[in-house]
């Protein structure tokens, strides 16, 4: 004898699949965000350490930003101001204090 499987309405199938897709997208975004924050933290730590010791001199962060933009066209979020404020000193120091 064949075992009967209940018929699931198409609308329920669509909702189940949609929920799985949305959950997967959400989890992927969380992971991307986690990795991105870790990268920003590492960059901030690196810049904080090297700018304090004056290893790069007074225009170092601007030079780094300019070179990154030249070598990686379309790169966003790494202007000299953003590196200084968000990543270089303020962001790294605040994140370190929270951790």
Foldseek 3Di string as FASTA:
>chain_A
DDDDDDDDDPVVVVVVVVVVVVVVVVVVVVVVVVVVLVVLLVLQVVLQVCVVVCVQPDCRLQVVLVVCCVVPPPDPQRHSVSCVCCRHPPVNVVVVVVD
